[in-house]
Every structure is written in structure tokens, then in C-alpha cells.
Amino acid sequence: MLGKRDVDAELRRSLGLSMKELQPVFAAGGDAAERKFMECCWCLWKANGVELVEPFVEANFNTLPEKSRSVLFQRMITIVYVAQDTEIKNALAPIDN
């Protein structure tokens, strides 16, 4: 697994922000913090999957206020359910020849 320095380097490259610069945004909570957190996760996932997302979440998730953590958790669960539902539907769909 990669570490915080790798996460920081990718965030700077992708979004022009460091984790230190993101801390006040996350600590404030609310919609802006939640959107920025998800944007960071998406950027990191595209760059290197779970290898970058995991250290980012470990370093930042608990800095969010409780309400924002709850909202993000609900959104993440929804994304997983939608992805699984789509995968199941695709697996059961007849193959066109």
C-alpha cells in the first residue's frame, strides 16, 4: 500500500491541493467538504485504485464532522449497491449474437 506522501503527490498533481490544504475544508463539513472528499477519492481511484484511496480515507475521514461522515457513508453505500445491481443485470442479460 502506498502512503500519505504518495496521496499528497497525486492530489497536488490532479487537483493542485495538498492534504494539509484540504484539512480546513473537511473540518468545516457540509456539502462542499463532502463533494471535495468524493472528488479526491475519485481522483485517487483513477490514479491507482485502493492503493491511494485507503491512506487518504484513513487520514481524512475522521476529520469530517459526524453529519458529513454519515452523508458520505450513505453515498458510498449507494454507489456500491448501484454498481452491484448493474453487474448482476449485465451478467443476467442475454448475449446478442
Protein backbone atom coordinates (compact mmCIF):
# COMPACT_ATOMS: atom_id res chain seq x y z
CA MET A 1 0.00 0.00 0.00
CA LEU A 2 1.17 3.49 -0.76
CA GLY A 3 1.41 6.16 1.92
CA LYS A 4 0.34 9.71 2.69
CA ARG A 5 3.22 11.20 0.70
CA ASP A 6 2.06 9.36 -2.41
CA VAL A 7 -1.51 10.54 -1.81
CA ASP A 8 -0.33 14.10 -1.32
CA ALA A 9 1.72 13.98 -4.52
CA GLU A 10 -1.24 12.68 -6.56
CA LEU A 11 -3.63 15.26 -5.08
CA ARG A 12 -1.20 18.03 -5.95
CA ARG A 13 -0.82 16.65 -9.48
CA SER A 14 -4.55 16.08 -10.05
CA LEU A 15 -6.25 18.84 -8.07
CA GLY A 16 -3.48 21.28 -7.22
CA LEU A 17 -4.16 20.80 -3.49
CA SER A 18 -2.31 19.10 -0.66
CA MET A 19 -3.92 17.14 2.15
CA LYS A 20 -2.87 19.93 4.52
CA GLU A 21 -4.75 22.48 2.38
CA LEU A 22 -7.82 20.22 2.37
CA GLN A 23 -7.96 19.83 6.17
CA PRO A 24 -9.87 23.10 6.84
CA VAL A 25 -12.39 22.25 4.10
CA PHE A 26 -13.01 18.82 5.60
CA ALA A 27 -13.14 20.13 9.18
CA ALA A 28 -15.84 22.65 8.18
CA GLY A 29 -18.05 19.84 6.88
CA GLY A 30 -21.15 20.37 4.81
CA ASP A 31 -21.84 19.86 1.14
CA ALA A 32 -18.61 21.49 -0.07
CA ALA A 33 -16.47 19.23 2.14
CA GLU A 34 -18.43 16.13 1.13
CA ARG A 35 -18.10 16.93 -2.58
CA LYS A 36 -14.39 17.68 -2.26
CA PHE A 37 -13.83 14.43 -0.33
CA MET A 38 -15.59 12.43 -3.05
CA GLU A 39 -13.67 14.30 -5.75
CA CYS A 40 -10.40 13.40 -4.04
CA CYS A 41 -11.43 9.76 -3.74
CA TRP A 42 -12.37 9.64 -7.42
CA CYS A 43 -9.07 11.25 -8.49
CA LEU A 44 -7.06 8.87 -6.34
CA TRP A 45 -9.05 5.85 -7.51
CA LYS A 46 -8.45 6.72 -11.16
CA ALA A 47 -4.73 7.17 -10.47
CA ASN A 48 -4.06 3.96 -8.54
CA GLY A 49 -7.20 2.41 -7.09
CA VAL A 50 -7.35 1.37 -3.48
CA GLU A 51 -3.60 1.84 -3.05
CA LEU A 52 -4.14 5.62 -2.85
CA VAL A 53 -7.74 5.80 -1.64
CA GLU A 54 -7.17 3.78 1.52
CA PRO A 55 -4.44 6.01 3.05
CA PHE A 56 -6.43 9.10 2.05
CA VAL A 57 -9.58 7.86 3.79
CA GLU A 58 -7.60 6.76 6.85
CA ALA A 59 -6.01 10.20 7.12
CA ASN A 60 -9.07 12.34 6.45
CA PHE A 61 -12.42 10.64 7.05
CA ASN A 62 -12.48 11.17 10.81
CA THR A 63 -11.59 14.85 10.46
CA LEU A 64 -15.04 15.41 8.93
CA PRO A 65 -17.91 16.31 11.26
CA GLU A 66 -20.21 13.41 12.17
CA LYS A 67 -23.02 14.55 9.85
CA SER A 68 -20.68 14.72 6.85
CA ARG A 69 -19.25 11.27 7.65
CA SER A 70 -22.79 9.91 7.75
CA VAL A 71 -23.71 11.50 4.42
CA LEU A 72 -20.53 10.24 2.76
CA PHE A 73 -21.05 6.73 4.09
CA GLN A 74 -24.59 6.70 2.70
CA ARG A 75 -23.35 7.92 -0.69
CA MET A 76 -20.59 5.30 -0.80
CA ILE A 77 -23.01 2.51 0.09
CA THR A 78 -25.37 3.70 -2.65
CA ILE A 79 -22.53 3.65 -5.18
CA VAL A 80 -21.65 0.09 -4.20
CA TYR A 81 -25.27 -1.06 -4.45
CA VAL A 82 -25.75 0.55 -7.85
CA ALA A 83 -22.52 -1.00 -9.13
CA GLN A 84 -23.52 -4.44 -7.86
CA ASP A 85 -27.02 -4.13 -9.31
CA THR A 86 -25.59 -3.14 -12.69
CA GLU A 87 -23.13 -6.03 -12.59
CA ILE A 88 -25.90 -8.52 -11.79
CA LYS A 89 -28.15 -7.16 -14.55
CA ASN A 90 -25.29 -7.35 -17.05
CA ALA A 91 -24.49 -10.93 -16.02
CA LEU A 92 -28.11 -12.00 -16.44
CA ALA A 93 -28.71 -10.19 -19.73
CA PRO A 94 -28.93 -12.40 -22.82
CA ILE A 95 -25.93 -12.25 -25.10
CA ASP A 96 -26.74 -10.82 -28.53
CA ASN A 97 -25.06 -12.66 -31.38
